[in-house]
């Protein structure tokens, strides 16, 4: 009995999913490129900041342990 109810729900699920996918506004090539460049640039900046902090902390720990 439950099998027949599940079979009736599946087509409406996929129809609903198809309708939702039609509502998606995909970014154009230029917007995708700008966002990708922004992600890479921010990643590089954060990486440099982490490297600088790592160097400072390493220097501080070496200084403290050498006392």
PDB file of N, CA and C in Angstrom:
ATOM      1  N   UNK A   1       0.812  -1.191   0.000  1.00  0.00           N
ATOM      2  CA  UNK A   1       0.000   0.000   0.000  1.00  0.00           C
ATOM      3  C   UNK A   1       0.863   1.265   0.000  1.00  0.00           C
ATOM      4  N   UNK A   2       1.957   1.217   0.735  1.00  0.00           N
ATOM      5  CA  UNK A   2       2.843   2.372   0.795  1.00  0.00           C
ATOM      6  C   UNK A   2       3.572   2.574  -0.530  1.00  0.00           C
ATOM      7  N   UNK A   3       3.796   1.474  -1.264  1.00  0.00           N
ATOM      8  CA  UNK A   3       4.496   1.582  -2.541  1.00  0.00           C
ATOM      9  C   UNK A   3       3.726   2.436  -3.541  1.00  0.00           C
ATOM     10  N   UNK A   4       2.412   2.288  -3.574  1.00  0.00           N
ATOM     11  CA  UNK A   4       1.624   3.065  -4.522  1.00  0.00           C
ATOM     12  C   UNK A   4       1.621   4.548  -4.153  1.00  0.00           C
ATOM     13  N   UNK A   5       1.677   4.862  -2.858  1.00  0.00           N
ATOM     14  CA  UNK A   5       1.736   6.261  -2.429  1.00  0.00           C
ATOM     15  C   UNK A   5       3.082   6.881  -2.787  1.00  0.00           C
ATOM     16  N   UNK A   6       4.159   6.083  -2.639  1.00  0.00           N
ATOM     17  CA  UNK A   6       5.483   6.596  -2.993  1.00  0.00           C
ATOM     18  C   UNK A   6       5.588   6.844  -4.489  1.00  0.00           C
ATOM     19  N   UNK A   7       5.000   5.987  -5.283  1.00  0.00           N
ATOM     20  CA  UNK A   7       5.054   6.159  -6.738  1.00  0.00           C
ATOM     21  C   UNK A   7       4.310   7.417  -7.171  1.00  0.00           C
ATOM     22  N   UNK A   8       3.266   7.779  -6.472  1.00  0.00           N
ATOM     23  CA  UNK A   8       2.523   8.991  -6.809  1.00  0.00           C
ATOM     24  C   UNK A   8       3.311  10.241  -6.401  1.00  0.00           C
ATOM     25  N   UNK A   9       4.108  10.158  -5.338  1.00  0.00           N
ATOM     26  CA  UNK A   9       4.869  11.313  -4.864  1.00  0.00           C
ATOM     27  C   UNK A   9       6.086  11.599  -5.737  1.00  0.00           C
ATOM     28  N   UNK A  10       6.664  10.582  -6.305  1.00  0.00           N
ATOM     29  CA  UNK A  10       7.905  10.767  -7.067  1.00  0.00           C
ATOM     30  C   UNK A  10       7.734  11.690  -8.275  1.00  0.00           C
ATOM     31  N   UNK A  11       6.736  11.490  -9.123  1.00  0.00           N
ATOM     32  CA  UNK A  11       6.614  12.399 -10.274  1.00  0.00           C
ATOM     33  C   UNK A  11       6.409  13.852  -9.847  1.00  0.00           C
ATOM     34  N   UNK A  12       5.639  14.086  -8.803  1.00  0.00           N
ATOM     35  CA  UNK A  12       5.428  15.466  -8.379  1.00  0.00           C
ATOM     36  C   UNK A  12       6.709  16.049  -7.776  1.00  0.00           C
ATOM     37  N   UNK A  13       7.515  15.199  -7.143  1.00  0.00           N
ATOM     38  CA  UNK A  13       8.798  15.657  -6.597  1.00  0.00           C
ATOM     39  C   UNK A  13       9.710  16.121  -7.727  1.00  0.00           C
ATOM     40  N   UNK A  14       9.817  15.297  -8.754  1.00  0.00           N
ATOM     41  CA  UNK A  14      10.691  15.652  -9.861  1.00  0.00           C
ATOM     42  C   UNK A  14      10.151  16.839 -10.657  1.00  0.00           C
ATOM     43  N   UNK A  15       8.839  16.960 -10.765  1.00  0.00           N
ATOM     44  CA  UNK A  15       8.261  18.130 -11.425  1.00  0.00           C
ATOM     45  C   UNK A  15       8.573  19.390 -10.620  1.00  0.00           C
ATOM     46  N   UNK A  16       8.468  19.279  -9.300  1.00  0.00           N
ATOM     47  CA  UNK A  16       8.790  20.417  -8.444  1.00  0.00           C
ATOM     48  C   UNK A  16      10.259  20.787  -8.534  1.00  0.00           C
ATOM     49  N   UNK A  17      11.117  19.767  -8.573  1.00  0.00           N
ATOM     50  CA  UNK A  17      12.548  20.015  -8.687  1.00  0.00           C
ATOM     51  C   UNK A  17      12.865  20.690 -10.023  1.00  0.00           C
ATOM     52  N   UNK A  18      12.225  20.237 -11.081  1.00  0.00           N
ATOM     53  CA  UNK A  18      12.437  20.833 -12.402  1.00  0.00           C
ATOM     54  C   UNK A  18      11.986  22.291 -12.402  1.00  0.00           C
ATOM     55  N   UNK A  19      10.860  22.571 -11.752  1.00  0.00           N
ATOM     56  CA  UNK A  19      10.363  23.945 -11.677  1.00  0.00           C
ATOM     57  C   UNK A  19      11.329  24.833 -10.895  1.00  0.00           C
ATOM     58  N   UNK A  20      11.907  24.299  -9.824  1.00  0.00           N
ATOM     59  CA  UNK A  20      12.862  25.081  -9.033  1.00  0.00           C
ATOM     60  C   UNK A  20      14.140  25.348  -9.824  1.00  0.00           C
ATOM     61  N   UNK A  21      14.594  24.364 -10.596  1.00  0.00           N
ATOM     62  CA  UNK A  21      15.796  24.562 -11.405  1.00  0.00           C
ATOM     63  C   UNK A  21      15.582  25.624 -12.473  1.00  0.00           C
ATOM     64  N   UNK A  22      14.358  25.764 -12.955  1.00  0.00           N
ATOM     65  CA  UNK A  22      14.072  26.798 -13.951  1.00  0.00           C
ATOM     66  C   UNK A  22      14.147  28.191 -13.347  1.00  0.00           C
ATOM     67  N   UNK A  23      13.984  28.298 -12.025  1.00  0.00           N
ATOM     68  CA  UNK A  23      14.038  29.592 -11.351  1.00  0.00           C
ATOM     69  C   UNK A  23      15.462  30.076 -11.095  1.00  0.00           C
ATOM     70  N   UNK A  24      16.430  29.179 -11.224  1.00  0.00           N
ATOM     71  CA  UNK A  24      17.825  29.535 -10.947  1.00  0.00           C
ATOM     72  C   UNK A  24      18.318  30.509 -12.005  1.00  0.00           C
ATOM     73  N   UNK A  25      18.966  31.573 -11.552  1.00  0.00           N
ATOM     74  CA  UNK A  25      19.595  32.534 -12.468  1.00  0.00           C
ATOM     75  C   UNK A  25      21.099  32.282 -12.403  1.00  0.00           C
ATOM     76  N   UNK A  26      21.622  31.678 -13.450  1.00  0.00           N
ATOM     77  CA  UNK A  26      23.029  31.341 -13.475  1.00  0.00           C
ATOM     78  C   UNK A  26      23.846  32.584 -13.838  1.00  0.00           C
ATOM     79  N   UNK A  27      25.001  32.777 -13.198  1.00  0.00           N
ATOM     80  CA  UNK A  27      25.826  33.938 -13.518  1.00  0.00           C
ATOM     81  C   UNK A  27      26.447  33.803 -14.910  1.00  0.00           C
ATOM     82  N   UNK A  28      26.679  34.949 -15.536  1.00  0.00           N
ATOM     83  CA  UNK A  28      27.302  34.909 -16.848  1.00  0.00           C
ATOM     84  C   UNK A  28      28.810  34.713 -16.694  1.00  0.00           C
ATOM     85  N   UNK A  29      29.487  34.592 -17.811  1.00  0.00           N
ATOM     86  CA  UNK A  29      30.918  34.288 -17.805  1.00  0.00           C
ATOM     87  C   UNK A  29      31.729  35.378 -17.104  1.00  0.00           C
ATOM     88  N   UNK A  30      31.383  36.643 -17.340  1.00  0.00           N
ATOM     89  CA  UNK A  30      32.130  37.756 -16.757  1.00  0.00           C
ATOM     90  C   UNK A  30      31.965  37.783 -15.237  1.00  0.00           C
ATOM     91  N   UNK A  31      30.773  37.563 -14.747  1.00  0.00           N
ATOM     92  CA  UNK A  31      30.543  37.554 -13.303  1.00  0.00           C
ATOM     93  C   UNK A  31      31.285  36.401 -12.645  1.00  0.00           C
ATOM     94  N   UNK A  32      31.278  35.241 -13.300  1.00  0.00           N
ATOM     95  CA  UNK A  32      31.994  34.080 -12.774  1.00  0.00           C
ATOM     96  C   UNK A  32      33.488  34.357 -12.715  1.00  0.00           C
ATOM     97  N   UNK A  33      34.022  34.987 -13.741  1.00  0.00           N
ATOM     98  CA  UNK A  33      35.447  35.308 -13.775  1.00  0.00           C
ATOM     99  C   UNK A  33      35.806  36.292 -12.664  1.00  0.00           C
ATOM    100  N   UNK A  34      34.998  37.330 -12.472  1.00  0.00           N
ATOM    101  CA  UNK A  34      35.257  38.316 -11.421  1.00  0.00           C
ATOM    102  C   UNK A  34      35.228  37.673 -10.043  1.00  0.00           C
ATOM    103  N   UNK A  35      34.241  36.817  -9.813  1.00  0.00           N
ATOM    104  CA  UNK A  35      34.131  36.167  -8.511  1.00  0.00           C
ATOM    105  C   UNK A  35      35.289  35.195  -8.283  1.00  0.00           C
ATOM    106  N   UNK A  36      35.714  34.516  -9.324  1.00  0.00           N
ATOM    107  CA  UNK A  36      36.845  33.589  -9.198  1.00  0.00           C
ATOM    108  C   UNK A  36      38.129  34.340  -8.877  1.00  0.00           C
ATOM    109  N   UNK A  37      38.340  35.469  -9.547  1.00  0.00           N
ATOM    110  CA  UNK A  37      39.529  36.290  -9.274  1.00  0.00           C
ATOM    111  C   UNK A  37      39.481  36.813  -7.841  1.00  0.00           C
ATOM    112  N   UNK A  38      38.309  37.221  -7.378  1.00  0.00           N
ATOM    113  CA  UNK A  38      38.176  37.707  -6.003  1.00  0.00           C
ATOM    114  C   UNK A  38      38.499  36.609  -5.005  1.00  0.00           C
ATOM    115  N   UNK A  39      38.033  35.397  -5.253  1.00  0.00           N
ATOM    116  CA  UNK A  39      38.305  34.280  -4.334  1.00  0.00           C
ATOM    117  C   UNK A  39      39.796  33.980  -4.285  1.00  0.00           C
ATOM    118  N   UNK A  40      40.441  33.949  -5.441  1.00  0.00           N
ATOM    119  CA  UNK A  40      41.881  33.663  -5.479  1.00  0.00           C
ATOM    120  C   UNK A  40      42.657  34.769  -4.786  1.00  0.00           C
ATOM    121  N   UNK A  41      42.300  36.029  -5.038  1.00  0.00           N
ATOM    122  CA  UNK A  41      43.018  37.152  -4.422  1.00  0.00           C
ATOM    123  C   UNK A  41      42.859  37.136  -2.904  1.00  0.00           C
ATOM    124  N   UNK A  42      41.662  36.910  -2.426  1.00  0.00           N
ATOM    125  CA  UNK A  42      41.436  36.876  -0.982  1.00  0.00           C
ATOM    126  C   UNK A  42      42.179  35.696  -0.368  1.00  0.00           C
ATOM    127  N   UNK A  43      42.201  34.562  -1.061  1.00  0.00           N
ATOM    128  CA  UNK A  43      42.928  33.393  -0.556  1.00  0.00           C
ATOM    129  C   UNK A  43      44.418  33.687  -0.427  1.00  0.00           C
ATOM    130  N   UNK A  44      44.979  34.376  -1.418  1.00  0.00           N
ATOM    131  CA  UNK A  44      46.400  34.726  -1.365  1.00  0.00           C
ATOM    132  C   UNK A  44      46.670  35.690  -0.203  1.00  0.00           C
ATOM    133  N   UNK A  45      45.821  36.692  -0.035  1.00  0.00           N
ATOM    134  CA  UNK A  45      45.998  37.663   1.049  1.00  0.00           C
ATOM    135  C   UNK A  45      45.906  36.970   2.409  1.00  0.00           C
ATOM    136  N   UNK A  46      44.911  36.119   2.582  1.00  0.00           N
ATOM    137  CA  UNK A  46      44.774  35.409   3.861  1.00  0.00           C
ATOM    138  C   UNK A  46      45.973  34.491   4.082  1.00  0.00           C
ATOM    139  N   UNK A  47      46.446  33.833   3.032  1.00  0.00           N
ATOM    140  CA  UNK A  47      47.636  32.981   3.146  1.00  0.00           C
ATOM    141  C   UNK A  47      48.859  33.764   3.588  1.00  0.00           C
ATOM    142  N   UNK A  48      49.047  34.964   3.033  1.00  0.00           N
ATOM    143  CA  UNK A  48      50.184  35.808   3.418  1.00  0.00           C
ATOM    144  C   UNK A  48      50.048  36.248   4.874  1.00  0.00           C
ATOM    145  N   UNK A  49      48.844  36.619   5.279  1.00  0.00           N
ATOM    146  CA  UNK A  49      48.630  37.028   6.671  1.00  0.00           C
ATOM    147  C   UNK A  49      48.928  35.876   7.619  1.00  0.00           C
ATOM    148  N   UNK A  50      48.472  34.675   7.275  1.00  0.00           N
ATOM    149  CA  UNK A  50      48.739  33.514   8.126  1.00  0.00           C
ATOM    150  C   UNK A  50      50.236  33.224   8.175  1.00  0.00           C
ATOM    151  N   UNK A  51      50.930  33.354   7.045  1.00  0.00           N
ATOM    152  CA  UNK A  51      52.373  33.114   7.018  1.00  0.00           C
ATOM    153  C   UNK A  51      53.109  34.121   7.891  1.00  0.00           C
ATOM    154  N   UNK A  52      52.703  35.384   7.839  1.00  0.00           N
ATOM    155  CA  UNK A  52      53.339  36.413   8.667  1.00  0.00           C
ATOM    156  C   UNK A  52      53.086  36.133  10.148  1.00  0.00           C
ATOM    157  N   UNK A  53      51.849  35.814  10.498  1.00  0.00           N
ATOM    158  CA  UNK A  53      51.543  35.496  11.894  1.00  0.00           C
ATOM    159  C   UNK A  53      52.309  34.266  12.358  1.00  0.00           C
ATOM    160  N   UNK A  54      52.430  33.275  11.495  1.00  0.00           N
ATOM    161  CA  UNK A  54      53.190  32.070  11.838  1.00  0.00           C
ATOM    162  C   UNK A  54      54.651  32.408  12.107  1.00  0.00           C
ATOM    163  N   UNK A  55      55.218  33.252  11.276  1.00  0.00           N
ATOM    164  CA  UNK A  55      56.612  33.655  11.465  1.00  0.00           C
ATOM    165  C   UNK A  55      56.781  34.413  12.782  1.00  0.00           C
ATOM    166  N   UNK A  56      55.869  35.333  13.062  1.00  0.00           N
ATOM    167  CA  UNK A  56      55.955  36.122  14.298  1.00  0.00           C
ATOM    168  C   UNK A  56      55.807  35.218  15.520  1.00  0.00           C
ATOM    169  N   UNK A  57      54.839  34.316  15.487  1.00  0.00           N
ATOM    170  CA  UNK A  57      54.634  33.415  16.626  1.00  0.00           C
ATOM    171  C   UNK A  57      55.830  32.484  16.790  1.00  0.00           C
ATOM    172  N   UNK A  58      56.358  31.987  15.687  1.00  0.00           N
ATOM    173  CA  UNK A  58      57.538  31.118  15.741  1.00  0.00           C
ATOM    174  C   UNK A  58      58.717  31.872  16.352  1.00  0.00           C
ATOM    175  N   UNK A  59      58.925  33.103  15.941  1.00  0.00           N
ATOM    176  CA  UNK A  59      60.009  33.913  16.485  1.00  0.00           C
ATOM    177  C   UNK A  59      59.788  34.154  17.970  1.00  0.00           C
ATOM    178  N   UNK A  60      58.551  34.452  18.354  1.00  0.00           N
ATOM    179  CA  UNK A  60      58.243  34.690  19.757  1.00  0.00           C
ATOM    180  C   UNK A  60      58.459  33.466  20.613  1.00  0.00           C
ATOM    181  N   UNK A  61      58.035  32.312  20.135  1.00  0.00           N
ATOM    182  CA  UNK A  61      58.229  31.071  20.905  1.00  0.00           C
ATOM    183  C   UNK A  61      59.715  30.743  21.004  1.00  0.00           C
ATOM    184  N   UNK A  62      60.466  30.906  19.928  1.00  0.00           N
ATOM    185  CA  UNK A  62      61.914  30.654  19.978  1.00  0.00           C
ATOM    186  C   UNK A  62      62.594  31.626  20.938  1.00  0.00           C
ATOM    187  N   UNK A  63      62.144  32.871  20.968  1.00  0.00           N
ATOM    188  CA  UNK A  63      62.732  33.853  21.872  1.00  0.00           C
ATOM    189  C   UNK A  63      62.453  33.478  23.327  1.00  0.00           C
ATOM    190  N   UNK A  64      61.200  33.086  23.595  1.00  0.00           N
ATOM    191  CA  UNK A  64      60.825  32.730  24.959  1.00  0.00           C
ATOM    192  C   UNK A  64      61.545  31.460  25.423  1.00  0.00           C
ATOM    193  N   UNK A  65      61.665  30.486  24.548  1.00  0.00           N
ATOM    194  CA  UNK A  65      62.312  29.235  24.953  1.00  0.00           C
ATOM    195  C   UNK A  65      63.829  29.362  25.049  1.00  0.00           C
ATOM    196  N   UNK A  66      64.416  30.392  24.455  1.00  0.00           N
ATOM    197  CA  UNK A  66      65.875  30.561  24.541  1.00  0.00           C
ATOM    198  C   UNK A  66      66.297  31.299  25.795  1.00  0.00           C
ATOM    199  N   UNK A  67      65.351  31.840  26.530  1.00  0.00           N
ATOM    200  CA  UNK A  67      65.685  32.586  27.749  1.00  0.00           C
ATOM    201  C   UNK A  67      66.083  31.646  28.851  1.00  0.00           C
TER     202      UNK A  67
END
